[in-house]
Protein backbone atom coordinates (compact mmCIF):
# COMPACT_ATOMS: atom_id res chain seq x y z
CA UNK A 1 -52.02 -36.70 55.94
CA UNK A 2 -49.42 -35.77 58.57
CA UNK A 3 -46.62 -33.70 56.92
CA UNK A 4 -43.27 -32.80 58.70
CA UNK A 5 -43.04 -29.56 56.54
CA UNK A 6 -45.57 -26.92 55.93
CA UNK A 7 -43.89 -24.85 53.17
CA UNK A 8 -41.12 -24.95 50.58
CA UNK A 9 -39.14 -21.91 49.48
CA UNK A 10 -37.46 -22.46 46.02
CA UNK A 11 -34.50 -20.80 44.47
CA UNK A 12 -35.32 -19.83 40.86
CA UNK A 13 -32.45 -20.36 38.39
CA UNK A 14 -31.10 -23.89 38.38
CA UNK A 15 -33.83 -25.09 40.65
CA UNK A 16 -37.24 -24.15 39.18
CA UNK A 17 -36.02 -22.83 35.81
CA UNK A 18 -33.42 -23.85 33.44
CA UNK A 19 -32.25 -20.40 32.40
CA UNK A 20 -28.60 -20.92 31.81
CA UNK A 21 -28.79 -20.41 27.98
CA UNK A 22 -30.50 -16.96 28.18
CA UNK A 23 -28.19 -15.91 30.94
CA UNK A 24 -25.10 -17.01 29.10
CA UNK A 25 -26.29 -15.27 25.80
CA UNK A 26 -27.12 -12.01 27.58
CA UNK A 27 -23.84 -11.99 29.32
CA UNK A 28 -21.79 -12.77 26.21
CA UNK A 29 -23.59 -10.01 24.29
CA UNK A 30 -22.71 -7.56 27.10
CA UNK A 31 -19.04 -8.53 27.09
CA UNK A 32 -19.04 -8.40 23.26
CA UNK A 33 -20.13 -4.69 23.43
CA UNK A 34 -16.85 -3.62 25.12
CA UNK A 35 -14.58 -6.25 23.19
CA UNK A 36 -14.16 -8.65 26.22
CA UNK A 37 -13.88 -12.57 25.47
CA UNK A 38 -17.07 -14.51 25.73
CA UNK A 39 -17.60 -18.03 27.26
CA UNK A 40 -19.29 -21.21 26.39
CA UNK A 41 -22.72 -21.84 28.12
CA UNK A 42 -21.39 -24.61 30.34
CA UNK A 43 -18.90 -22.18 31.83
CA UNK A 44 -21.83 -20.07 33.17
CA UNK A 45 -22.65 -22.88 35.53
CA UNK A 46 -19.75 -21.78 37.66
CA UNK A 47 -20.53 -18.07 37.34
CA UNK A 48 -24.17 -17.82 38.34
CA UNK A 49 -25.90 -17.82 41.67
CA UNK A 50 -24.65 -14.67 43.44
CA UNK A 51 -26.44 -11.83 41.52
CA UNK A 52 -25.78 -10.01 38.26
CA UNK A 53 -22.90 -7.90 39.48
CA UNK A 54 -21.10 -10.91 40.63
CA UNK A 55 -21.78 -12.76 37.32
CA UNK A 56 -20.45 -9.81 35.48
CA UNK A 57 -17.37 -9.73 37.59
CA UNK A 58 -16.72 -13.52 37.11
CA UNK A 59 -17.30 -13.32 33.39
CA UNK A 60 -14.62 -10.65 32.84
CA UNK A 61 -10.89 -11.46 32.49
CA UNK A 62 -9.22 -11.57 35.85
CA UNK A 63 -6.92 -8.58 34.91
CA UNK A 64 -9.95 -6.45 33.70
CA UNK A 65 -12.18 -6.68 36.85
CA UNK A 66 -11.91 -3.10 37.95
CA UNK A 67 -15.08 -1.67 39.55
CA UNK A 68 -15.76 0.40 36.53
CA UNK A 69 -15.63 -2.51 34.18
CA UNK A 70 -17.86 -4.61 36.54
CA UNK A 71 -20.40 -1.84 36.71
CA UNK A 72 -20.39 -1.30 32.76
CA UNK A 73 -20.85 -4.93 32.13
CA UNK A 74 -23.42 -5.47 34.86
CA UNK A 75 -25.55 -2.59 33.38
CA UNK A 76 -25.21 -3.97 29.87
CA UNK A 77 -26.17 -7.51 31.21
CA UNK A 78 -29.44 -6.15 32.63
CA UNK A 79 -30.31 -4.43 29.37
CA UNK A 80 -29.49 -7.71 27.35
CA UNK A 81 -31.28 -9.91 29.75
CA UNK A 82 -34.35 -7.89 29.90
CA UNK A 83 -34.75 -8.41 26.18
CA UNK A 84 -34.08 -12.14 26.07
CA UNK A 85 -34.79 -13.83 29.45
CA UNK A 86 -37.69 -15.78 27.97
CA UNK A 87 -36.21 -17.00 24.78
CA UNK A 88 -35.00 -20.44 25.94
CA UNK A 89 -35.83 -20.41 29.68
CA UNK A 90 -38.36 -23.03 30.83
CA UNK A 91 -39.08 -25.06 33.93
CA UNK A 92 -37.04 -28.04 34.37
CA UNK A 93 -38.61 -31.52 33.52
CA UNK A 94 -40.57 -32.57 36.41
CA UNK A 95 -41.07 -29.24 37.97
CA UNK A 96 -44.60 -28.79 36.85
CA UNK A 97 -45.56 -32.18 38.26
CA UNK A 98 -43.85 -31.31 41.57
CA UNK A 99 -45.64 -27.98 41.94
CA UNK A 100 -48.94 -29.73 41.22
CA UNK A 101 -48.34 -32.38 43.73
CA UNK A 102 -47.24 -29.90 46.36
CA UNK A 103 -50.40 -27.75 45.71
CA UNK A 104 -52.44 -31.00 46.08
CA UNK A 105 -51.22 -31.55 49.66
CA UNK A 106 -51.57 -27.92 50.34
CA UNK A 107 -47.88 -27.19 51.02
CA UNK A 108 -47.20 -23.41 50.91
CA UNK A 109 -44.87 -22.19 48.25
CA UNK A 110 -42.45 -19.19 47.87
CA UNK A 111 -39.52 -18.11 45.78
CA UNK A 112 -36.33 -16.37 46.83
CA UNK A 113 -33.60 -15.57 44.24
CA UNK A 114 -30.50 -13.45 43.76
CA UNK A 115 -32.12 -12.06 40.65
CA UNK A 116 -33.22 -8.35 40.90
CA UNK A 117 -36.69 -8.30 42.23
CA UNK A 118 -38.42 -7.08 39.09
CA UNK A 119 -36.89 -9.77 37.07
CA UNK A 120 -37.95 -12.46 39.47
CA UNK A 121 -41.64 -11.33 39.62
CA UNK A 122 -41.87 -11.00 35.86
CA UNK A 123 -40.45 -14.46 35.26
CA UNK A 124 -42.60 -16.07 37.88
CA UNK A 125 -45.69 -14.53 36.37
CA UNK A 126 -44.85 -15.65 32.79
CA UNK A 127 -43.29 -18.99 33.45
CA UNK A 128 -44.77 -20.28 36.83
CA UNK A 129 -48.12 -18.38 36.69
CA UNK A 130 -50.07 -21.68 36.93
CA UNK A 131 -49.13 -21.92 40.56
CA UNK A 132 -49.70 -19.84 43.70
CA UNK A 133 -46.55 -18.58 45.25
CA UNK A 134 -47.17 -16.67 48.57
CA UNK A 135 -44.01 -14.71 48.00
CA UNK A 136 -41.65 -14.09 45.01
CA UNK A 137 -38.58 -12.14 46.22
CA UNK A 138 -35.53 -11.01 44.49
CA UNK A 139 -32.82 -8.54 45.54
CA UNK A 140 -34.11 -5.19 46.53
CA UNK A 141 -33.30 -2.58 49.17
CA UNK A 142 -35.36 -4.59 51.65
CA UNK A 143 -34.14 -7.97 50.61
CA UNK A 144 -30.33 -8.45 50.52
CA UNK A 145 -28.68 -11.15 48.46
CA UNK A 146 -28.49 -14.77 49.78
CA UNK A 147 -26.86 -16.06 51.80
CA UNK A 148 -28.26 -13.29 53.91
CA UNK A 149 -31.27 -15.04 55.64
CA UNK A 150 -33.37 -11.92 55.68
CA UNK A 151 -35.50 -12.78 52.59
CA UNK A 152 -36.00 -16.35 53.65
CA UNK A 153 -37.26 -15.23 57.03
CA UNK A 154 -39.60 -12.72 55.45
CA UNK A 155 -41.04 -15.45 53.19
CA UNK A 156 -41.82 -17.77 56.10
CA UNK A 157 -43.34 -14.85 58.05
CA UNK A 158 -45.46 -14.06 55.02
CA UNK A 159 -46.56 -17.70 54.59
CA UNK A 160 -47.38 -17.81 58.41
CA UNK A 161 -45.07 -20.67 59.14
CA UNK A 162 -42.13 -21.21 61.46
CA UNK A 163 -38.80 -21.39 59.74
CA UNK A 164 -38.25 -24.94 61.09
CA UNK A 165 -41.19 -26.22 59.12
CA UNK A 166 -39.83 -24.89 55.81
CA UNK A 167 -37.74 -26.62 53.20
CA UNK A 168 -35.28 -24.55 51.28
CA UNK A 169 -34.59 -26.17 47.98
CA UNK A 170 -31.73 -24.84 45.84
CA UNK A 171 -28.86 -25.80 43.55
CA UNK A 172 -26.02 -24.00 45.06
CA UNK A 173 -23.93 -23.80 48.11
CA UNK A 174 -25.26 -20.25 48.72
CA UNK A 175 -28.89 -21.64 48.90
CA UNK A 176 -27.78 -24.28 51.39
CA UNK A 177 -26.08 -21.66 53.51
CA UNK A 178 -29.12 -19.49 53.31
CA UNK A 179 -31.22 -22.28 54.50
CA UNK A 180 -29.02 -23.16 57.48
CA UNK A 181 -28.85 -19.44 58.48
CA UNK A 182 -32.68 -19.28 58.43
CA UNK A 183 -33.26 -22.23 60.47
CA UNK A 184 -34.72 -24.29 57.46
CA UNK A 185 -34.08 -27.62 56.00
CA UNK A 186 -31.32 -27.20 53.35
CA UNK A 187 -32.31 -29.53 50.38
CA UNK A 188 -29.99 -29.63 47.33
CA UNK A 189 -31.18 -29.91 43.71
CA UNK A 190 -28.83 -32.10 41.72
CA UNK A 191 -30.56 -31.32 38.49
CA UNK A 192 -29.35 -27.69 38.68
CA UNK A 193 -25.94 -25.96 37.97
CA UNK A 194 -23.66 -26.70 40.88
CA UNK A 195 -22.35 -30.18 41.83
CA UNK A 196 -22.76 -32.40 44.80
CA UNK A 197 -19.69 -31.24 46.38
CA UNK A 198 -20.66 -27.58 46.36
CA UNK A 199 -24.04 -28.35 47.89
CA UNK A 200 -22.59 -30.56 50.72
CA UNK A 201 -20.05 -27.88 51.54
CA UNK A 202 -22.72 -25.30 51.73
CA UNK A 203 -24.57 -27.39 54.30
CA UNK A 204 -27.00 -29.61 52.24
CA UNK A 205 -28.58 -32.21 54.51
CA UNK A 206 -30.61 -33.98 51.71
CA UNK A 207 -29.64 -34.28 48.00
CA UNK A 208 -32.48 -34.97 45.59
CA UNK A 209 -31.76 -36.35 41.98
CA UNK A 210 -35.31 -35.72 40.65
CA UNK A 211 -37.94 -32.97 41.44
CA UNK A 212 -40.43 -35.69 42.15
CA UNK A 213 -38.30 -36.67 45.10
CA UNK A 214 -39.13 -33.63 47.03
CA UNK A 215 -42.72 -35.00 47.33
CA UNK A 216 -41.28 -38.25 48.86
CA UNK A 217 -39.29 -36.18 51.40
CA UNK A 218 -42.21 -33.86 52.36
CA UNK A 219 -44.43 -37.02 52.82
CA UNK A 220 -41.58 -38.98 54.55
CA UNK A 221 -42.17 -41.80 52.11
CA UNK A 222 -39.15 -44.08 52.03
CA UNK A 223 -40.15 -46.06 49.05
CA UNK A 224 -40.58 -43.36 46.37
């Protein structure tokens, strides 16, 4: 089988894993520690995607976003999330079948997320351990937050593929910008947390409604 792409780099939250409820519960508990108002789960769809510090900042009232409050809530968020990240989080419907299909045609796989690196690796082992990912990378001292292309380029290097032969699949404008800056194909996941407009404004070239559609795209099958 002739394939246009040799590898896929996935975002984690909102792309592979439906984690919004655990994130919301952890952030709300952190806010509650200090008497700040909490938010409904759906509101967190607009908060996530740029790392824990930014999540904490967005969740705080606008007039309470001092550096001290952000740092305090971000640290509390990490503590709460470490205790509950696996309570409700599961792969999105169709993701196991997609990963099986990609493995079957020997597409190389990696994960790049704006979660802290330790969380990313632990979650991948626990919830996605059936599949082989060449790289699982979160934010660390040598891997800055997306949309910095550094992490994506490292993933491509470790997989032994040219960035131009990689798909970057994500659910946010930040993911699409990361893909473009890395020289990869920016593919948007419409089953995730951000809407079509955000993906397009970030640079998405292809939008997929269902995980299985990625297999069609990789195989260049127009009739899927």
